[in-house]
Each structure stands twice: as structure tokens, then as C-alpha cells.
Amino acid sequence: MSDLTELADEHLAAARTAAHGRSAHLVMHDGVLRQTVIALTSGTSLDEHNAPPAASLQVLRGRVKLTSPGWAQEMGAGALRMIPKERHGLTALEDAVVLLTAVND
């Protein structure tokens, strides 16, 4: 079992020293289920990309903005929401760590 607090600390530290301002770690992979910790420094984005069949995003630290065409939502620590089933992107409004849970075909 992984300790999300330790992983958040570790990957936020790695993101702060990475040239691209991010760090990620696949926490769990079981068949179609994947859970990934993603750390982003303030201002760093994950460019728009396709959505998996089902996914959620939980903010462990900081604040992020989840966007899709014509829509945006800011999320702070503790927030949990489904990811839109369309192309979307993510931007860190401050140093942040999220837990992405996705079901892939």
C-alpha cells in the first residue's frame, strides 16, 4: 500500500527541480484501473488531451484548474470530481499534487 502523503511530498519536490515542472508516479495498476499521483509546479500545465472512458481527479495539495472547450473549474485541496468525457487540460494555479483515477479500455 502506498502512502499518498509521502508520495505527494516526494513528487512535489521532484517537480520543483524538474525542467518541465512536473513529476508523476503510477500508484496502482489493476487491469483497466490506473491511479497516478501527478505533481505540478505553479503555472505548469498538462496540455489538452483525450479523456479515458471514466476518470476522476482528486486534489491532494494546492489548487488546479481543470478545463475543457468552453468550460473551466478551479479545484482546491480536498476537491474531487469526475473528469469530463471530452478533451481536457489541467493547470496548476499554485504548486499542486493530484490523484488521477482512470479506467482505460
N, C-alpha and C. Protein backbone atom coordinates (compact mmCIF):
# COMPACT_ATOMS: atom_id res chain seq x y z
N MET A 1 0.85 -1.18 0.00
CA MET A 1 0.00 0.00 0.00
C MET A 1 0.90 1.24 0.00
N SER A 2 0.47 2.24 -0.76
CA SER A 2 1.24 3.48 -0.86
C SER A 2 0.72 4.52 0.12
N ASP A 3 1.62 5.35 0.62
CA ASP A 3 1.26 6.46 1.49
C ASP A 3 1.17 7.70 0.59
N LEU A 4 -0.04 8.19 0.35
CA LEU A 4 -0.24 9.31 -0.56
C LEU A 4 0.44 10.59 -0.07
N THR A 5 0.50 10.78 1.23
CA THR A 5 1.16 11.97 1.77
C THR A 5 2.64 11.95 1.43
N GLU A 6 3.29 10.80 1.63
CA GLU A 6 4.72 10.68 1.29
C GLU A 6 4.95 10.83 -0.20
N LEU A 7 4.08 10.21 -1.02
CA LEU A 7 4.21 10.33 -2.47
C LEU A 7 4.03 11.78 -2.93
N ALA A 8 3.07 12.48 -2.33
CA ALA A 8 2.84 13.88 -2.67
C ALA A 8 4.08 14.71 -2.36
N ASP A 9 4.65 14.51 -1.18
CA ASP A 9 5.87 15.24 -0.80
C ASP A 9 7.00 14.94 -1.77
N GLU A 10 7.22 13.67 -2.05
CA GLU A 10 8.32 13.23 -2.92
C GLU A 10 8.18 13.80 -4.33
N HIS A 11 6.99 13.72 -4.89
CA HIS A 11 6.83 14.15 -6.28
C HIS A 11 6.72 15.67 -6.43
N LEU A 12 6.25 16.34 -5.41
CA LEU A 12 6.26 17.80 -5.47
C LEU A 12 7.70 18.30 -5.42
N ALA A 13 8.52 17.68 -4.58
CA ALA A 13 9.94 18.04 -4.53
C ALA A 13 10.61 17.77 -5.88
N ALA A 14 10.28 16.64 -6.50
CA ALA A 14 10.85 16.30 -7.81
C ALA A 14 10.38 17.28 -8.88
N ALA A 15 9.10 17.66 -8.84
CA ALA A 15 8.56 18.61 -9.82
C ALA A 15 9.26 19.95 -9.70
N ARG A 16 9.56 20.37 -8.48
CA ARG A 16 10.21 21.67 -8.26
C ARG A 16 11.63 21.72 -8.83
N THR A 17 12.26 20.57 -9.00
CA THR A 17 13.62 20.55 -9.55
C THR A 17 13.64 20.12 -11.02
N ALA A 18 12.49 19.66 -11.55
CA ALA A 18 12.42 19.20 -12.94
C ALA A 18 12.29 20.39 -13.88
N ALA A 19 12.95 20.32 -15.02
CA ALA A 19 12.91 21.40 -16.01
C ALA A 19 11.49 21.67 -16.50
N HIS A 20 10.67 20.64 -16.59
CA HIS A 20 9.30 20.78 -17.10
C HIS A 20 8.28 21.03 -15.99
N GLY A 21 8.72 21.06 -14.71
CA GLY A 21 7.84 21.42 -13.60
C GLY A 21 6.81 20.39 -13.21
N ARG A 22 7.07 19.12 -13.51
CA ARG A 22 6.10 18.10 -13.12
C ARG A 22 6.79 16.78 -12.81
N SER A 23 6.06 15.94 -12.06
CA SER A 23 6.54 14.60 -11.73
C SER A 23 5.30 13.73 -11.52
N ALA A 24 5.38 12.48 -11.93
CA ALA A 24 4.22 11.59 -11.80
C ALA A 24 4.67 10.19 -11.40
N HIS A 25 3.75 9.47 -10.76
CA HIS A 25 4.04 8.11 -10.32
C HIS A 25 2.76 7.28 -10.42
N LEU A 26 2.83 6.16 -11.12
CA LEU A 26 1.71 5.22 -11.20
C LEU A 26 1.62 4.49 -9.87
N VAL A 27 0.56 4.76 -9.11
CA VAL A 27 0.39 4.20 -7.77
C VAL A 27 -0.18 2.79 -7.84
N MET A 28 -1.24 2.62 -8.64
CA MET A 28 -1.89 1.32 -8.76
C MET A 28 -2.24 1.07 -10.21
N HIS A 29 -2.10 -0.20 -10.61
CA HIS A 29 -2.50 -0.62 -11.95
C HIS A 29 -3.07 -2.02 -11.79
N ASP A 30 -4.36 -2.12 -12.03
CA ASP A 30 -5.05 -3.41 -11.90
C ASP A 30 -6.01 -3.55 -13.06
N GLY A 31 -5.63 -4.29 -14.07
CA GLY A 31 -6.47 -4.43 -15.25
C GLY A 31 -6.66 -3.08 -15.91
N VAL A 32 -7.92 -2.63 -15.99
CA VAL A 32 -8.23 -1.36 -16.65
C VAL A 32 -8.12 -0.16 -15.71
N LEU A 33 -7.93 -0.41 -14.41
CA LEU A 33 -7.86 0.66 -13.42
C LEU A 33 -6.42 1.15 -13.24
N ARG A 34 -6.26 2.48 -13.28
CA ARG A 34 -4.96 3.10 -13.02
C ARG A 34 -5.16 4.27 -12.08
N GLN A 35 -4.25 4.41 -11.11
CA GLN A 35 -4.24 5.57 -10.24
C GLN A 35 -2.84 6.15 -10.28
N THR A 36 -2.77 7.45 -10.55
CA THR A 36 -1.50 8.13 -10.73
C THR A 36 -1.45 9.40 -9.89
N VAL A 37 -0.35 9.57 -9.16
CA VAL A 37 -0.08 10.82 -8.45
C VAL A 37 0.68 11.72 -9.43
N ILE A 38 0.18 12.95 -9.60
CA ILE A 38 0.80 13.91 -10.51
C ILE A 38 1.07 15.20 -9.74
N ALA A 39 2.33 15.63 -9.73
CA ALA A 39 2.71 16.88 -9.08
C ALA A 39 3.07 17.90 -10.16
N LEU A 40 2.56 19.12 -9.98
CA LEU A 40 2.80 20.21 -10.93
C LEU A 40 3.20 21.46 -10.16
N THR A 41 4.21 22.16 -10.65
CA THR A 41 4.55 23.44 -10.04
C THR A 41 3.60 24.52 -10.58
N SER A 42 3.49 25.61 -9.85
CA SER A 42 2.59 26.70 -10.22
C SER A 42 2.82 27.14 -11.66
N GLY A 43 1.74 27.21 -12.43
CA GLY A 43 1.82 27.64 -13.82
C GLY A 43 2.06 26.52 -14.81
N THR A 44 2.41 25.33 -14.33
CA THR A 44 2.65 24.19 -15.21
C THR A 44 1.32 23.60 -15.65
N SER A 45 1.25 23.18 -16.91
CA SER A 45 0.02 22.62 -17.46
C SER A 45 0.25 21.25 -18.06
N LEU A 46 -0.82 20.47 -18.04
CA LEU A 46 -0.90 19.27 -18.86
C LEU A 46 -1.79 19.69 -20.03
N ASP A 47 -1.21 19.75 -21.22
CA ASP A 47 -1.94 20.23 -22.38
C ASP A 47 -3.21 19.41 -22.60
N GLU A 48 -4.11 19.99 -23.36
CA GLU A 48 -5.37 19.33 -23.66
C GLU A 48 -5.10 17.94 -24.24
N HIS A 49 -5.86 16.96 -23.75
CA HIS A 49 -5.70 15.58 -24.19
C HIS A 49 -7.05 14.87 -24.11
N ASN A 50 -7.14 13.70 -24.74
CA ASN A 50 -8.38 12.94 -24.75
C ASN A 50 -8.66 12.34 -23.37
N ALA A 51 -9.94 12.19 -23.07
CA ALA A 51 -10.35 11.62 -21.79
C ALA A 51 -10.45 10.10 -21.90
N PRO A 52 -10.12 9.39 -20.82
CA PRO A 52 -10.37 7.95 -20.79
C PRO A 52 -11.88 7.72 -20.65
N PRO A 53 -12.33 6.47 -20.79
CA PRO A 53 -13.76 6.19 -20.66
C PRO A 53 -14.37 6.66 -19.34
N ALA A 54 -13.62 6.58 -18.26
CA ALA A 54 -14.08 7.05 -16.95
C ALA A 54 -12.87 7.49 -16.14
N ALA A 55 -13.00 8.64 -15.45
CA ALA A 55 -11.87 9.14 -14.66
C ALA A 55 -12.35 10.15 -13.64
N SER A 56 -11.57 10.24 -12.55
CA SER A 56 -11.82 11.27 -11.54
C SER A 56 -10.49 11.91 -11.17
N LEU A 57 -10.59 13.11 -10.63
CA LEU A 57 -9.42 13.86 -10.20
C LEU A 57 -9.66 14.32 -8.78
N GLN A 58 -8.71 14.00 -7.89
CA GLN A 58 -8.77 14.46 -6.50
C GLN A 58 -7.54 15.31 -6.25
N VAL A 59 -7.75 16.51 -5.72
CA VAL A 59 -6.64 17.41 -5.42
C VAL A 59 -6.15 17.09 -4.01
N LEU A 60 -4.88 16.67 -3.92
CA LEU A 60 -4.28 16.35 -2.63
C LEU A 60 -3.63 17.57 -1.99
N ARG A 61 -3.06 18.45 -2.83
CA ARG A 61 -2.39 19.67 -2.35
C ARG A 61 -2.59 20.77 -3.37
N GLY A 62 -2.63 22.01 -2.91
CA GLY A 62 -2.63 23.15 -3.80
C GLY A 62 -3.96 23.39 -4.51
N ARG A 63 -3.87 24.09 -5.65
CA ARG A 63 -5.05 24.42 -6.45
C ARG A 63 -4.73 24.21 -7.92
N VAL A 64 -5.72 23.71 -8.65
CA VAL A 64 -5.58 23.47 -10.08
C VAL A 64 -6.81 24.01 -10.80
N LYS A 65 -6.68 24.14 -12.12
CA LYS A 65 -7.84 24.47 -12.96
C LYS A 65 -7.98 23.38 -14.00
N LEU A 66 -9.12 22.72 -14.00
CA LEU A 66 -9.47 21.70 -14.97
C LEU A 66 -10.26 22.38 -16.07
N THR A 67 -9.85 22.20 -17.33
CA THR A 67 -10.51 22.88 -18.44
C THR A 67 -10.91 21.90 -19.53
N SER A 68 -11.96 22.26 -20.24
CA SER A 68 -12.35 21.59 -21.47
C SER A 68 -12.93 22.69 -22.35
N PRO A 69 -13.16 22.44 -23.64
CA PRO A 69 -13.64 23.51 -24.52
C PRO A 69 -14.87 24.23 -23.95
N GLY A 70 -14.73 25.54 -23.73
CA GLY A 70 -15.83 26.36 -23.24
C GLY A 70 -16.17 26.20 -21.77
N TRP A 71 -15.29 25.57 -21.00
CA TRP A 71 -15.60 25.29 -19.59
C TRP A 71 -14.30 25.23 -18.78
N ALA A 72 -14.36 25.69 -17.53
CA ALA A 72 -13.21 25.61 -16.62
C ALA A 72 -13.72 25.56 -15.19
N GLN A 73 -13.00 24.81 -14.35
CA GLN A 73 -13.34 24.75 -12.93
C GLN A 73 -12.07 24.74 -12.11
N GLU A 74 -12.00 25.65 -11.13
CA GLU A 74 -10.89 25.64 -10.18
C GLU A 74 -11.21 24.65 -9.08
N MET A 75 -10.17 23.96 -8.62
CA MET A 75 -10.32 22.96 -7.56
C MET A 75 -9.21 23.14 -6.55
N GLY A 76 -9.55 23.08 -5.27
CA GLY A 76 -8.57 23.19 -4.21
C GLY A 76 -8.39 21.87 -3.50
N ALA A 77 -7.44 21.84 -2.57
CA ALA A 77 -7.13 20.62 -1.81
C ALA A 77 -8.41 20.03 -1.22
N GLY A 78 -8.57 18.73 -1.41
CA GLY A 78 -9.74 18.02 -0.92
C GLY A 78 -10.84 17.86 -1.95
N ALA A 79 -10.79 18.64 -3.03
CA ALA A 79 -11.83 18.56 -4.06
C ALA A 79 -11.70 17.27 -4.86
N LEU A 80 -12.85 16.74 -5.24
CA LEU A 80 -12.93 15.51 -6.04
C LEU A 80 -14.01 15.71 -7.08
N ARG A 81 -13.70 15.40 -8.34
CA ARG A 81 -14.73 15.50 -9.38
C ARG A 81 -14.43 14.53 -10.51
N MET A 82 -15.48 14.21 -11.24
CA MET A 82 -15.33 13.40 -12.44
C MET A 82 -14.66 14.27 -13.50
N ILE A 83 -13.86 13.66 -14.34
CA ILE A 83 -13.23 14.37 -15.45
C ILE A 83 -14.19 14.33 -16.63
N PRO A 84 -14.38 15.47 -17.32
CA PRO A 84 -15.29 15.48 -18.47
C PRO A 84 -14.89 14.43 -19.50
N LYS A 85 -15.87 13.84 -20.14
CA LYS A 85 -15.61 12.81 -21.14
C LYS A 85 -15.34 13.44 -22.51
N GLU A 86 -14.47 14.44 -22.51
CA GLU A 86 -14.07 15.14 -23.72
C GLU A 86 -12.63 15.62 -23.52
N ARG A 87 -12.05 16.17 -24.55
CA ARG A 87 -10.69 16.69 -24.42
C ARG A 87 -10.65 17.67 -23.27
N HIS A 88 -9.57 17.63 -22.51
CA HIS A 88 -9.45 18.48 -21.33
C HIS A 88 -7.98 18.73 -21.02
N GLY A 89 -7.73 19.71 -20.18
CA GLY A 89 -6.38 20.03 -19.75
C GLY A 89 -6.38 20.37 -18.26
N LEU A 90 -5.20 20.50 -17.70
CA LEU A 90 -5.06 20.79 -16.27
C LEU A 90 -3.91 21.77 -16.09
N THR A 91 -4.15 22.82 -15.30
CA THR A 91 -3.11 23.81 -14.99
C THR A 91 -3.02 23.99 -13.49
N ALA A 92 -1.79 24.01 -12.97
CA ALA A 92 -1.58 24.26 -11.54
C ALA A 92 -1.63 25.76 -11.30
N LEU A 93 -2.55 26.20 -10.45
CA LEU A 93 -2.66 27.61 -10.08
C LEU A 93 -1.66 27.96 -8.98
N GLU A 94 -1.22 26.95 -8.27
CA GLU A 94 -0.12 27.02 -7.29
C GLU A 94 0.47 25.62 -7.28
N ASP A 95 1.62 25.44 -6.64
CA ASP A 95 2.19 24.09 -6.58
C ASP A 95 1.10 23.13 -6.12
N ALA A 96 0.94 22.03 -6.84
CA ALA A 96 -0.20 21.14 -6.57
C ALA A 96 0.17 19.68 -6.81
N VAL A 97 -0.59 18.81 -6.13
CA VAL A 97 -0.49 17.37 -6.34
C VAL A 97 -1.92 16.84 -6.46
N VAL A 98 -2.15 16.02 -7.49
CA VAL A 98 -3.47 15.44 -7.71
C VAL A 98 -3.36 13.92 -7.80
N LEU A 99 -4.47 13.27 -7.54
CA LEU A 99 -4.57 11.82 -7.74
C LEU A 99 -5.55 11.61 -8.88
N LEU A 100 -5.07 11.08 -9.99
CA LEU A 100 -5.89 10.77 -11.14
C LEU A 100 -6.26 9.30 -11.09
N THR A 101 -7.55 9.01 -11.09
CA THR A 101 -8.03 7.64 -11.16
C THR A 101 -8.71 7.49 -12.51
N ALA A 102 -8.25 6.51 -13.30
CA ALA A 102 -8.78 6.34 -14.65
C ALA A 102 -9.05 4.87 -14.96
N VAL A 103 -10.09 4.67 -15.75
CA VAL A 103 -10.41 3.35 -16.27
C VAL A 103 -10.15 3.43 -17.77
N ASN A 104 -9.23 2.62 -18.26
CA ASN A 104 -8.88 2.61 -19.68
C ASN A 104 -9.29 1.28 -20.30
N ASP A 105 -9.67 1.34 -21.57
CA ASP A 105 -10.05 0.10 -22.27
C ASP A 105 -8.86 -0.78 -22.50
